[in-house]
Amino acid sequence: MSGYFFQRVFAVAEQIPEGRVTSYGAIAKHLGSARSARMVGWAMNKCDTRKVPAHRVVNCKGLLTGKFHFDGTNLMQKLLENEGIVIVDNKIQDFQKHFWDPAKELI
């Protein structure tokens, strides 16, 4: 089951627009598995970050909790900053402004 679930997670993450972020929980809820945010995190850890913009998936408070899964501890932050997102103390500033909700954006 996790392989199929991971593929569905990757398909959602691939749709996150540049300069926007979403949360593990928002993806899980969109996929009908609201209590599976941790599994979404596991999927992000296993994805090919050259194809899936895993740097755009953060926790529900805008914290860069997945940053240690990128080469170099600041790569996730640098990728987000390159898209115009301001990060202070591992947290996205104006999180709601940048938040992308797959439940509202995807059919």
PDB file of N, CA and C in Angstrom:
ATOM      1  N   MET A   1       0.810  -1.198   0.000  1.00  0.00           N
ATOM      2  CA  MET A   1       0.000   0.000   0.000  1.00  0.00           C
ATOM      3  C   MET A   1       0.853   1.261   0.000  1.00  0.00           C
ATOM      4  N   SER A   2       1.966   1.275   0.729  1.00  0.00           N
ATOM      5  CA  SER A   2       2.743   2.507   0.822  1.00  0.00           C
ATOM      6  C   SER A   2       3.269   2.947  -0.539  1.00  0.00           C
ATOM      7  N   GLY A   3       3.627   2.010  -1.429  1.00  0.00           N
ATOM      8  CA  GLY A   3       4.113   2.381  -2.760  1.00  0.00           C
ATOM      9  C   GLY A   3       3.068   3.170  -3.534  1.00  0.00           C
ATOM     10  N   TYR A   4       1.837   2.686  -3.519  1.00  0.00           N
ATOM     11  CA  TYR A   4       0.741   3.382  -4.203  1.00  0.00           C
ATOM     12  C   TYR A   4       0.463   4.723  -3.524  1.00  0.00           C
ATOM     13  N   PHE A   5       0.442   4.739  -2.214  1.00  0.00           N
ATOM     14  CA  PHE A   5       0.208   5.977  -1.479  1.00  0.00           C
ATOM     15  C   PHE A   5       1.322   6.984  -1.790  1.00  0.00           C
ATOM     16  N   PHE A   6       2.560   6.527  -1.779  1.00  0.00           N
ATOM     17  CA  PHE A   6       3.689   7.419  -2.079  1.00  0.00           C
ATOM     18  C   PHE A   6       3.536   8.023  -3.466  1.00  0.00           C
ATOM     19  N   GLN A   7       3.144   7.224  -4.447  1.00  0.00           N
ATOM     20  CA  GLN A   7       2.964   7.738  -5.807  1.00  0.00           C
ATOM     21  C   GLN A   7       1.883   8.819  -5.846  1.00  0.00           C
ATOM     22  N   ARG A   8       0.825   8.631  -5.084  1.00  0.00           N
ATOM     23  CA  ARG A   8      -0.242   9.643  -5.014  1.00  0.00           C
ATOM     24  C   ARG A   8       0.274  10.915  -4.342  1.00  0.00           C
ATOM     25  N   VAL A   9       1.095  10.762  -3.309  1.00  0.00           N
ATOM     26  CA  VAL A   9       1.707  11.916  -2.637  1.00  0.00           C
ATOM     27  C   VAL A   9       2.591  12.668  -3.626  1.00  0.00           C
ATOM     28  N   PHE A  10       3.414  11.953  -4.359  1.00  0.00           N
ATOM     29  CA  PHE A  10       4.314  12.593  -5.326  1.00  0.00           C
ATOM     30  C   PHE A  10       3.508  13.354  -6.379  1.00  0.00           C
ATOM     31  N   ALA A  11       2.408  12.768  -6.827  1.00  0.00           N
ATOM     32  CA  ALA A  11       1.574  13.424  -7.844  1.00  0.00           C
ATOM     33  C   ALA A  11       1.020  14.756  -7.333  1.00  0.00           C
ATOM     34  N   VAL A  12       0.643  14.810  -6.073  1.00  0.00           N
ATOM     35  CA  VAL A  12       0.156  16.069  -5.490  1.00  0.00           C
ATOM     36  C   VAL A  12       1.311  17.054  -5.349  1.00  0.00           C
ATOM     37  N   ALA A  13       2.428  16.600  -4.795  1.00  0.00           N
ATOM     38  CA  ALA A  13       3.572  17.483  -4.565  1.00  0.00           C
ATOM     39  C   ALA A  13       4.077  18.089  -5.872  1.00  0.00           C
ATOM     40  N   GLU A  14       4.006  17.345  -6.950  1.00  0.00           N
ATOM     41  CA  GLU A  14       4.454  17.854  -8.245  1.00  0.00           C
ATOM     42  C   GLU A  14       3.620  19.038  -8.723  1.00  0.00           C
ATOM     43  N   GLN A  15       2.431  19.197  -8.162  1.00  0.00           N
ATOM     44  CA  GLN A  15       1.531  20.278  -8.573  1.00  0.00           C
ATOM     45  C   GLN A  15       1.716  21.575  -7.781  1.00  0.00           C
ATOM     46  N   ILE A  16       2.515  21.541  -6.723  1.00  0.00           N
ATOM     47  CA  ILE A  16       2.702  22.734  -5.891  1.00  0.00           C
ATOM     48  C   ILE A  16       3.417  23.798  -6.728  1.00  0.00           C
ATOM     49  N   PRO A  17       2.798  24.950  -6.890  1.00  0.00           N
ATOM     50  CA  PRO A  17       3.431  25.986  -7.716  1.00  0.00           C
ATOM     51  C   PRO A  17       4.694  26.562  -7.076  1.00  0.00           C
ATOM     52  N   GLU A  18       5.579  27.043  -7.913  1.00  0.00           N
ATOM     53  CA  GLU A  18       6.785  27.710  -7.428  1.00  0.00           C
ATOM     54  C   GLU A  18       6.381  28.899  -6.561  1.00  0.00           C
ATOM     55  N   GLY A  19       7.092  29.078  -5.451  1.00  0.00           N
ATOM     56  CA  GLY A  19       6.804  30.184  -4.542  1.00  0.00           C
ATOM     57  C   GLY A  19       5.671  29.909  -3.571  1.00  0.00           C
ATOM     58  N   ARG A  20       5.164  28.687  -3.575  1.00  0.00           N
ATOM     59  CA  ARG A  20       4.089  28.284  -2.674  1.00  0.00           C
ATOM     60  C   ARG A  20       4.541  27.053  -1.907  1.00  0.00           C
ATOM     61  N   VAL A  21       3.894  26.791  -0.784  1.00  0.00           N
ATOM     62  CA  VAL A  21       4.194  25.617   0.037  1.00  0.00           C
ATOM     63  C   VAL A  21       2.892  24.986   0.503  1.00  0.00           C
ATOM     64  N   THR A  22       2.979  23.748   0.902  1.00  0.00           N
ATOM     65  CA  THR A  22       1.846  23.070   1.523  1.00  0.00           C
ATOM     66  C   THR A  22       2.376  22.262   2.698  1.00  0.00           C
ATOM     67  N   SER A  23       1.481  21.608   3.395  1.00  0.00           N
ATOM     68  CA  SER A  23       1.892  20.830   4.568  1.00  0.00           C
ATOM     69  C   SER A  23       1.669  19.341   4.326  1.00  0.00           C
ATOM     70  N   TYR A  24       2.357  18.562   5.137  1.00  0.00           N
ATOM     71  CA  TYR A  24       2.180  17.107   5.083  1.00  0.00           C
ATOM     72  C   TYR A  24       0.713  16.756   5.321  1.00  0.00           C
ATOM     73  N   GLY A  25       0.112  17.409   6.301  1.00  0.00           N
ATOM     74  CA  GLY A  25      -1.282  17.142   6.643  1.00  0.00           C
ATOM     75  C   GLY A  25      -2.253  17.526   5.548  1.00  0.00           C
ATOM     76  N   ALA A  26      -1.984  18.635   4.855  1.00  0.00           N
ATOM     77  CA  ALA A  26      -2.877  19.067   3.770  1.00  0.00           C
ATOM     78  C   ALA A  26      -2.862  18.051   2.635  1.00  0.00           C
ATOM     79  N   ILE A  27      -1.696  17.506   2.337  1.00  0.00           N
ATOM     80  CA  ILE A  27      -1.616  16.474   1.297  1.00  0.00           C
ATOM     81  C   ILE A  27      -2.362  15.222   1.756  1.00  0.00           C
ATOM     82  N   ALA A  28      -2.127  14.809   2.994  1.00  0.00           N
ATOM     83  CA  ALA A  28      -2.805  13.615   3.519  1.00  0.00           C
ATOM     84  C   ALA A  28      -4.322  13.787   3.475  1.00  0.00           C
ATOM     85  N   LYS A  29      -4.798  14.942   3.912  1.00  0.00           N
ATOM     86  CA  LYS A  29      -6.240  15.199   3.919  1.00  0.00           C
ATOM     87  C   LYS A  29      -6.798  15.170   2.496  1.00  0.00           C
ATOM     88  N   HIS A  30      -6.092  15.775   1.567  1.00  0.00           N
ATOM     89  CA  HIS A  30      -6.526  15.777   0.170  1.00  0.00           C
ATOM     90  C   HIS A  30      -6.640  14.358  -0.384  1.00  0.00           C
ATOM     91  N   LEU A  31      -5.754  13.476   0.071  1.00  0.00           N
ATOM     92  CA  LEU A  31      -5.765  12.095  -0.419  1.00  0.00           C
ATOM     93  C   LEU A  31      -6.757  11.211   0.330  1.00  0.00           C
ATOM     94  N   GLY A  32      -7.514  11.802   1.260  1.00  0.00           N
ATOM     95  CA  GLY A  32      -8.516  11.035   1.997  1.00  0.00           C
ATOM     96  C   GLY A  32      -7.947  10.271   3.169  1.00  0.00           C
ATOM     97  N   SER A  33      -6.745  10.625   3.589  1.00  0.00           N
ATOM     98  CA  SER A  33      -6.084   9.959   4.713  1.00  0.00           C
ATOM     99  C   SER A  33      -5.592  11.004   5.702  1.00  0.00           C
ATOM    100  N   ALA A  34      -6.518  11.761   6.258  1.00  0.00           N
ATOM    101  CA  ALA A  34      -6.178  12.919   7.083  1.00  0.00           C
ATOM    102  C   ALA A  34      -5.210  12.613   8.214  1.00  0.00           C
ATOM    103  N   ARG A  35      -5.179  11.396   8.682  1.00  0.00           N
ATOM    104  CA  ARG A  35      -4.297  11.052   9.805  1.00  0.00           C
ATOM    105  C   ARG A  35      -2.951  10.485   9.348  1.00  0.00           C
ATOM    106  N   SER A  36      -2.628  10.680   8.084  1.00  0.00           N
ATOM    107  CA  SER A  36      -1.414  10.087   7.524  1.00  0.00           C
ATOM    108  C   SER A  36      -0.334  11.117   7.188  1.00  0.00           C
ATOM    109  N   ALA A  37      -0.308  12.233   7.899  1.00  0.00           N
ATOM    110  CA  ALA A  37       0.694  13.269   7.626  1.00  0.00           C
ATOM    111  C   ALA A  37       2.107  12.715   7.749  1.00  0.00           C
ATOM    112  N   ARG A  38       2.334  11.873   8.726  1.00  0.00           N
ATOM    113  CA  ARG A  38       3.674  11.298   8.919  1.00  0.00           C
ATOM    114  C   ARG A  38       4.066  10.439   7.719  1.00  0.00           C
ATOM    115  N   MET A  39       3.103   9.722   7.171  1.00  0.00           N
ATOM    116  CA  MET A  39       3.394   8.888   6.005  1.00  0.00           C
ATOM    117  C   MET A  39       3.726   9.764   4.788  1.00  0.00           C
ATOM    118  N   VAL A  40       3.083  10.920   4.693  1.00  0.00           N
ATOM    119  CA  VAL A  40       3.425  11.870   3.631  1.00  0.00           C
ATOM    120  C   VAL A  40       4.879  12.310   3.807  1.00  0.00           C
ATOM    121  N   GLY A  41       5.278  12.559   5.039  1.00  0.00           N
ATOM    122  CA  GLY A  41       6.670  12.907   5.323  1.00  0.00           C
ATOM    123  C   GLY A  41       7.624  11.806   4.898  1.00  0.00           C
ATOM    124  N   TRP A  42       7.268  10.577   5.162  1.00  0.00           N
ATOM    125  CA  TRP A  42       8.109   9.448   4.740  1.00  0.00           C
ATOM    126  C   TRP A  42       8.223   9.421   3.217  1.00  0.00           C
ATOM    127  N   ALA A  43       7.098   9.690   2.544  1.00  0.00           N
ATOM    128  CA  ALA A  43       7.120   9.722   1.078  1.00  0.00           C
ATOM    129  C   ALA A  43       8.073  10.808   0.593  1.00  0.00           C
ATOM    130  N   MET A  44       8.014  11.986   1.197  1.00  0.00           N
ATOM    131  CA  MET A  44       8.902  13.077   0.791  1.00  0.00           C
ATOM    132  C   MET A  44      10.363  12.688   1.002  1.00  0.00           C
ATOM    133  N   ASN A  45      10.649  11.933   2.050  1.00  0.00           N
ATOM    134  CA  ASN A  45      12.014  11.487   2.307  1.00  0.00           C
ATOM    135  C   ASN A  45      12.503  10.504   1.244  1.00  0.00           C
ATOM    136  N   LYS A  46      11.583   9.796   0.603  1.00  0.00           N
ATOM    137  CA  LYS A  46      11.937   8.762  -0.374  1.00  0.00           C
ATOM    138  C   LYS A  46      11.886   9.244  -1.822  1.00  0.00           C
ATOM    139  N   CYS A  47      11.407  10.459  -2.050  1.00  0.00           N
ATOM    140  CA  CYS A  47      11.198  10.894  -3.429  1.00  0.00           C
ATOM    141  C   CYS A  47      12.494  11.354  -4.091  1.00  0.00           C
ATOM    142  N   ASP A  48      12.462  11.430  -5.402  1.00  0.00           N
ATOM    143  CA  ASP A  48      13.551  11.989  -6.190  1.00  0.00           C
ATOM    144  C   ASP A  48      13.314  13.493  -6.237  1.00  0.00           C
ATOM    145  N   THR A  49      14.078  14.242  -5.450  1.00  0.00           N
ATOM    146  CA  THR A  49      13.824  15.678  -5.318  1.00  0.00           C
ATOM    147  C   THR A  49      14.129  16.459  -6.595  1.00  0.00           C
ATOM    148  N   ARG A  50      14.721  15.809  -7.591  1.00  0.00           N
ATOM    149  CA  ARG A  50      14.904  16.477  -8.880  1.00  0.00           C
ATOM    150  C   ARG A  50      13.594  16.515  -9.647  1.00  0.00           C
ATOM    151  N   LYS A  51      12.679  15.611  -9.337  1.00  0.00           N
ATOM    152  CA  LYS A  51      11.387  15.544 -10.023  1.00  0.00           C
ATOM    153  C   LYS A  51      10.246  16.049  -9.155  1.00  0.00           C
ATOM    154  N   VAL A  52      10.349  15.823  -7.856  1.00  0.00           N
ATOM    155  CA  VAL A  52       9.294  16.194  -6.907  1.00  0.00           C
ATOM    156  C   VAL A  52       9.818  17.338  -6.032  1.00  0.00           C
ATOM    157  N   PRO A  53       9.126  18.475  -6.015  1.00  0.00           N
ATOM    158  CA  PRO A  53       9.603  19.609  -5.214  1.00  0.00           C
ATOM    159  C   PRO A  53       9.313  19.422  -3.719  1.00  0.00           C
ATOM    160  N   ALA A  54       9.992  18.462  -3.122  1.00  0.00           N
ATOM    161  CA  ALA A  54       9.761  18.139  -1.714  1.00  0.00           C
ATOM    162  C   ALA A  54      10.082  19.309  -0.797  1.00  0.00           C
ATOM    163  N   HIS A  55      10.915  20.237  -1.252  1.00  0.00           N
ATOM    164  CA  HIS A  55      11.245  21.399  -0.427  1.00  0.00           C
ATOM    165  C   HIS A  55      10.032  22.288  -0.177  1.00  0.00           C
ATOM    166  N   ARG A  56       8.979  22.112  -0.952  1.00  0.00           N
ATOM    167  CA  ARG A  56       7.758  22.910  -0.800  1.00  0.00           C
ATOM    168  C   ARG A  56       6.760  22.289   0.168  1.00  0.00           C
ATOM    169  N   VAL A  57       7.130  21.196   0.808  1.00  0.00           N
ATOM    170  CA  VAL A  57       6.251  20.531   1.776  1.00  0.00           C
ATOM    171  C   VAL A  57       6.872  20.697   3.158  1.00  0.00           C
ATOM    172  N   VAL A  58       6.110  21.337   4.048  1.00  0.00           N
ATOM    173  CA  VAL A  58       6.591  21.674   5.392  1.00  0.00           C
ATOM    174  C   VAL A  58       5.554  21.223   6.415  1.00  0.00           C
ATOM    175  N   ASN A  59       5.819  21.472   7.691  1.00  0.00           N
ATOM    176  CA  ASN A  59       4.813  21.076   8.676  1.00  0.00           C
ATOM    177  C   ASN A  59       3.698  22.126   8.747  1.00  0.00           C
ATOM    178  N   CYS A  60       2.681  21.852   9.530  1.00  0.00           N
ATOM    179  CA  CYS A  60       1.479  22.688   9.555  1.00  0.00           C
ATOM    180  C   CYS A  60       1.703  24.082  10.132  1.00  0.00           C
ATOM    181  N   LYS A  61       2.843  24.321  10.724  1.00  0.00           N
ATOM    182  CA  LYS A  61       3.166  25.646  11.262  1.00  0.00           C
ATOM    183  C   LYS A  61       4.162  26.391  10.376  1.00  0.00           C
ATOM    184  N   GLY A  62       4.546  25.768   9.271  1.00  0.00           N
ATOM    185  CA  GLY A  62       5.489  26.394   8.365  1.00  0.00           C
ATOM    186  C   GLY A  62       6.941  26.135   8.703  1.00  0.00           C
ATOM    187  N   LEU A  63       7.194  25.155   9.557  1.00  0.00           N
ATOM    188  CA  LEU A  63       8.576  24.816   9.928  1.00  0.00           C
ATOM    189  C   LEU A  63       9.195  23.873   8.900  1.00  0.00           C
ATOM    190  N   LEU A  64      10.479  24.063   8.645  1.00  0.00           N
ATOM    191  CA  LEU A  64      11.209  23.228   7.693  1.00  0.00           C
ATOM    192  C   LEU A  64      11.668  21.939   8.362  1.00  0.00           C
ATOM    193  N   THR A  65      10.732  21.125   8.753  1.00  0.00           N
ATOM    194  CA  THR A  65      11.050  19.908   9.497  1.00  0.00           C
ATOM    195  C   THR A  65      11.749  18.853   8.645  1.00  0.00           C
ATOM    196  N   GLY A  66      11.639  18.937   7.335  1.00  0.00           N
ATOM    197  CA  GLY A  66      12.265  17.950   6.467  1.00  0.00           C
ATOM    198  C   GLY A  66      13.630  18.339   5.955  1.00  0.00           C
ATOM    199  N   LYS A  67      14.184  19.430   6.466  1.00  0.00           N
ATOM    200  CA  LYS A  67      15.424  19.964   5.895  1.00  0.00           C
ATOM    201  C   LYS A  67      16.617  19.021   5.987  1.00  0.00           C
ATOM    202  N   PHE A  68      16.646  18.123   6.942  1.00  0.00           N
ATOM    203  CA  PHE A  68      17.784  17.229   7.093  1.00  0.00           C
ATOM    204  C   PHE A  68      17.807  16.119   6.046  1.00  0.00           C
ATOM    205  N   HIS A  69      16.761  16.019   5.246  1.00  0.00           N
ATOM    206  CA  HIS A  69      16.704  15.006   4.202  1.00  0.00           C
ATOM    207  C   HIS A  69      17.209  15.528   2.863  1.00  0.00           C
ATOM    208  N   PHE A  70      17.705  16.759   2.869  1.00  0.00           N
ATOM    209  CA  PHE A  70      18.302  17.353   1.678  1.00  0.00           C
ATOM    210  C   PHE A  70      19.810  17.375   1.854  1.00  0.00           C
ATOM    211  N   ASP A  71      20.526  17.274   0.735  1.00  0.00           N
ATOM    212  CA  ASP A  71      21.985  17.378   0.805  1.00  0.00           C
ATOM    213  C   ASP A  71      22.337  18.749   1.366  1.00  0.00           C
ATOM    214  N   GLY A  72      23.085  18.776   2.452  1.00  0.00           N
ATOM    215  CA  GLY A  72      23.413  20.044   3.095  1.00  0.00           C
ATOM    216  C   GLY A  72      22.228  20.504   3.925  1.00  0.00           C
ATOM    217  N   THR A  73      22.448  20.921   5.119  1.00  0.00           N
ATOM    218  CA  THR A  73      21.331  21.236   6.011  1.00  0.00           C
ATOM    219  C   THR A  73      20.560  22.489   5.620  1.00  0.00           C
ATOM    220  N   ASN A  74      21.109  23.327   4.746  1.00  0.00           N
ATOM    221  CA  ASN A  74      20.390  24.551   4.368  1.00  0.00           C
ATOM    222  C   ASN A  74      19.814  24.512   2.957  1.00  0.00           C
ATOM    223  N   LEU A  75      19.924  23.395   2.257  1.00  0.00           N
ATOM    224  CA  LEU A  75      19.447  23.329   0.884  1.00  0.00           C
ATOM    225  C   LEU A  75      17.955  23.595   0.781  1.00  0.00           C
ATOM    226  N   MET A  76      17.158  23.011   1.651  1.00  0.00           N
ATOM    227  CA  MET A  76      15.713  23.228   1.611  1.00  0.00           C
ATOM    228  C   MET A  76      15.411  24.721   1.743  1.00  0.00           C
ATOM    229  N   GLN A  77      16.045  25.365   2.699  1.00  0.00           N
ATOM    230  CA  GLN A  77      15.836  26.798   2.907  1.00  0.00           C
ATOM    231  C   GLN A  77      16.278  27.596   1.682  1.00  0.00           C
ATOM    232  N   LYS A  78      17.420  27.265   1.123  1.00  0.00           N
ATOM    233  CA  LYS A  78      17.920  27.988  -0.048  1.00  0.00           C
ATOM    234  C   LYS A  78      16.977  27.850  -1.235  1.00  0.00           C
ATOM    235  N   LEU A  79      16.453  26.648  -1.446  1.00  0.00           N
ATOM    236  CA  LEU A  79      15.517  26.429  -2.547  1.00  0.00           C
ATOM    237  C   LEU A  79      14.260  27.280  -2.373  1.00  0.00           C
ATOM    238  N   LEU A  80      13.740  27.333  -1.156  1.00  0.00           N
ATOM    239  CA  LEU A  80      12.555  28.150  -0.889  1.00  0.00           C
ATOM    240  C   LEU A  80      12.861  29.638  -1.033  1.00  0.00           C
ATOM    241  N   GLU A  81      13.995  30.055  -0.529  1.00  0.00           N
ATOM    242  CA  GLU A  81      14.377  31.470  -0.643  1.00  0.00           C
ATOM    243  C   GLU A  81      14.566  31.867  -2.105  1.00  0.00           C
ATOM    244  N   ASN A  82      15.072  30.956  -2.927  1.00  0.00           N
ATOM    245  CA  ASN A  82      15.217  31.219  -4.364  1.00  0.00           C
ATOM    246  C   ASN A  82      13.863  31.426  -5.037  1.00  0.00           C
ATOM    247  N   GLU A  83      12.801  30.956  -4.407  1.00  0.00           N
ATOM    248  CA  GLU A  83      11.446  31.117  -4.933  1.00  0.00           C
ATOM    249  C   GLU A  83      10.744  32.323  -4.307  1.00  0.00           C
ATOM    250  N   GLY A  84      11.478  33.095  -3.504  1.00  0.00           N
ATOM    251  CA  GLY A  84      10.929  34.310  -2.927  1.00  0.00           C
ATOM    252  C   GLY A  84      10.300  34.160  -1.559  1.00  0.00           C
ATOM    253  N   ILE A  85      10.487  33.022  -0.930  1.00  0.00           N
ATOM    254  CA  ILE A  85       9.907  32.782   0.399  1.00  0.00           C
ATOM    255  C   ILE A  85      10.943  33.148   1.459  1.00  0.00           C
ATOM    256  N   VAL A  86      10.531  33.930   2.440  1.00  0.00           N
ATOM    257  CA  VAL A  86      11.425  34.361   3.509  1.00  0.00           C
ATOM    258  C   VAL A  86      11.361  33.344   4.648  1.00  0.00           C
ATOM    259  N   ILE A  87      12.533  32.906   5.095  1.00  0.00           N
ATOM    260  CA  ILE A  87      12.651  31.934   6.187  1.00  0.00           C
ATOM    261  C   ILE A  87      13.418  32.594   7.327  1.00  0.00           C
ATOM    262  N   VAL A  88      12.874  32.518   8.534  1.00  0.00           N
ATOM    263  CA  VAL A  88      13.561  33.004   9.729  1.00  0.00           C
ATOM    264  C   VAL A  88      13.483  31.898  10.775  1.00  0.00           C
ATOM    265  N   ASP A  89      14.628  31.492  11.293  1.00  0.00           N
ATOM    266  CA  ASP A  89      14.705  30.426  12.301  1.00  0.00           C
ATOM    267  C   ASP A  89      13.959  29.166  11.861  1.00  0.00           C
ATOM    268  N   ASN A  90      14.233  28.736  10.624  1.00  0.00           N
ATOM    269  CA  ASN A  90      13.632  27.513  10.055  1.00  0.00           C
ATOM    270  C   ASN A  90      12.120  27.580   9.898  1.00  0.00           C
ATOM    271  N   LYS A  91      11.553  28.787   9.867  1.00  0.00           N
ATOM    272  CA  LYS A  91      10.103  28.941   9.744  1.00  0.00           C
ATOM    273  C   LYS A  91       9.775  29.913   8.615  1.00  0.00           C
ATOM    274  N   ILE A  92       8.785  29.527   7.817  1.00  0.00           N
ATOM    275  CA  ILE A  92       8.337  30.376   6.722  1.00  0.00           C
ATOM    276  C   ILE A  92       7.584  31.577   7.290  1.00  0.00           C
ATOM    277  N   GLN A  93       8.002  32.747   6.861  1.00  0.00           N
ATOM    278  CA  GLN A  93       7.316  33.972   7.262  1.00  0.00           C
ATOM    279  C   GLN A  93       6.096  34.161   6.351  1.00  0.00           C
ATOM    280  N   ASP A  94       5.033  34.698   6.889  1.00  0.00           N
ATOM    281  CA  ASP A  94       3.773  34.857   6.139  1.00  0.00           C
ATOM    282  C   ASP A  94       3.320  33.518   5.551  1.00  0.00           C
ATOM    283  N   PHE A  95       3.337  32.511   6.394  1.00  0.00           N
ATOM    284  CA  PHE A  95       3.024  31.146   5.961  1.00  0.00           C
ATOM    285  C   PHE A  95       1.690  31.071   5.227  1.00  0.00           C
ATOM    286  N   GLN A  96       0.654  31.685   5.750  1.00  0.00           N
ATOM    287  CA  GLN A  96      -0.661  31.604   5.101  1.00  0.00           C
ATOM    288  C   GLN A  96      -0.666  32.234   3.723  1.00  0.00           C
ATOM    289  N   LYS A  97       0.137  33.258   3.533  1.00  0.00           N
ATOM    290  CA  LYS A  97       0.250  33.921   2.224  1.00  0.00           C
ATOM    291  C   LYS A  97       0.809  32.952   1.182  1.00  0.00           C
ATOM    292  N   HIS A  98       1.722  32.099   1.583  1.00  0.00           N
ATOM    293  CA  HIS A  98       2.379  31.175   0.664  1.00  0.00           C
ATOM    294  C   HIS A  98       1.728  29.793   0.636  1.00  0.00           C
ATOM    295  N   PHE A  99       0.766  29.555   1.529  1.00  0.00           N
ATOM    296  CA  PHE A  99       0.174  28.219   1.654  1.00  0.00           C
ATOM    297  C   PHE A  99      -0.681  27.875   0.440  1.00  0.00           C
ATOM    298  N   TRP A 100      -0.449  26.694  -0.077  1.00  0.00           N
ATOM    299  CA  TRP A 100      -1.203  26.144  -1.205  1.00  0.00           C
ATOM    300  C   TRP A 100      -1.970  24.937  -0.699  1.00  0.00           C
ATOM    301  N   ASP A 101      -3.291  24.990  -0.785  1.00  0.00           N
ATOM    302  CA  ASP A 101      -4.137  23.907  -0.279  1.00  0.00           C
ATOM    303  C   ASP A 101      -4.577  23.026  -1.438  1.00  0.00           C
ATOM    304  N   PRO A 102      -4.057  21.805  -1.532  1.00  0.00           N
ATOM    305  CA  PRO A 102      -4.433  20.943  -2.648  1.00  0.00           C
ATOM    306  C   PRO A 102      -5.925  20.649  -2.702  1.00  0.00           C
ATOM    307  N   ALA A 103      -6.608  20.684  -1.581  1.00  0.00           N
ATOM    308  CA  ALA A 103      -8.055  20.415  -1.573  1.00  0.00           C
ATOM    309  C   ALA A 103      -8.809  21.508  -2.324  1.00  0.00           C
ATOM    310  N   LYS A 104      -8.265  22.710  -2.329  1.00  0.00           N
ATOM    311  CA  LYS A 104      -8.922  23.830  -3.021  1.00  0.00           C
ATOM    312  C   LYS A 104      -8.381  24.047  -4.428  1.00  0.00           C
ATOM    313  N   GLU A 105      -7.179  23.592  -4.675  1.00  0.00           N
ATOM    314  CA  GLU A 105      -6.512  23.858  -5.951  1.00  0.00           C
ATOM    315  C   GLU A 105      -6.613  22.715  -6.951  1.00  0.00           C
ATOM    316  N   LEU A 106      -6.744  21.491  -6.464  1.00  0.00           N
ATOM    317  CA  LEU A 106      -6.804  20.325  -7.340  1.00  0.00           C
ATOM    318  C   LEU A 106      -8.205  19.741  -7.365  1.00  0.00           C
ATOM    319  N   ILE A 107      -8.543  19.177  -8.457  1.00  0.00           N
ATOM    320  CA  ILE A 107      -9.866  18.552  -8.579  1.00  0.00           C
ATOM    321  C   ILE A 107      -9.796  17.110  -8.150  1.00  0.00           C
TER     322      ILE A 107
END
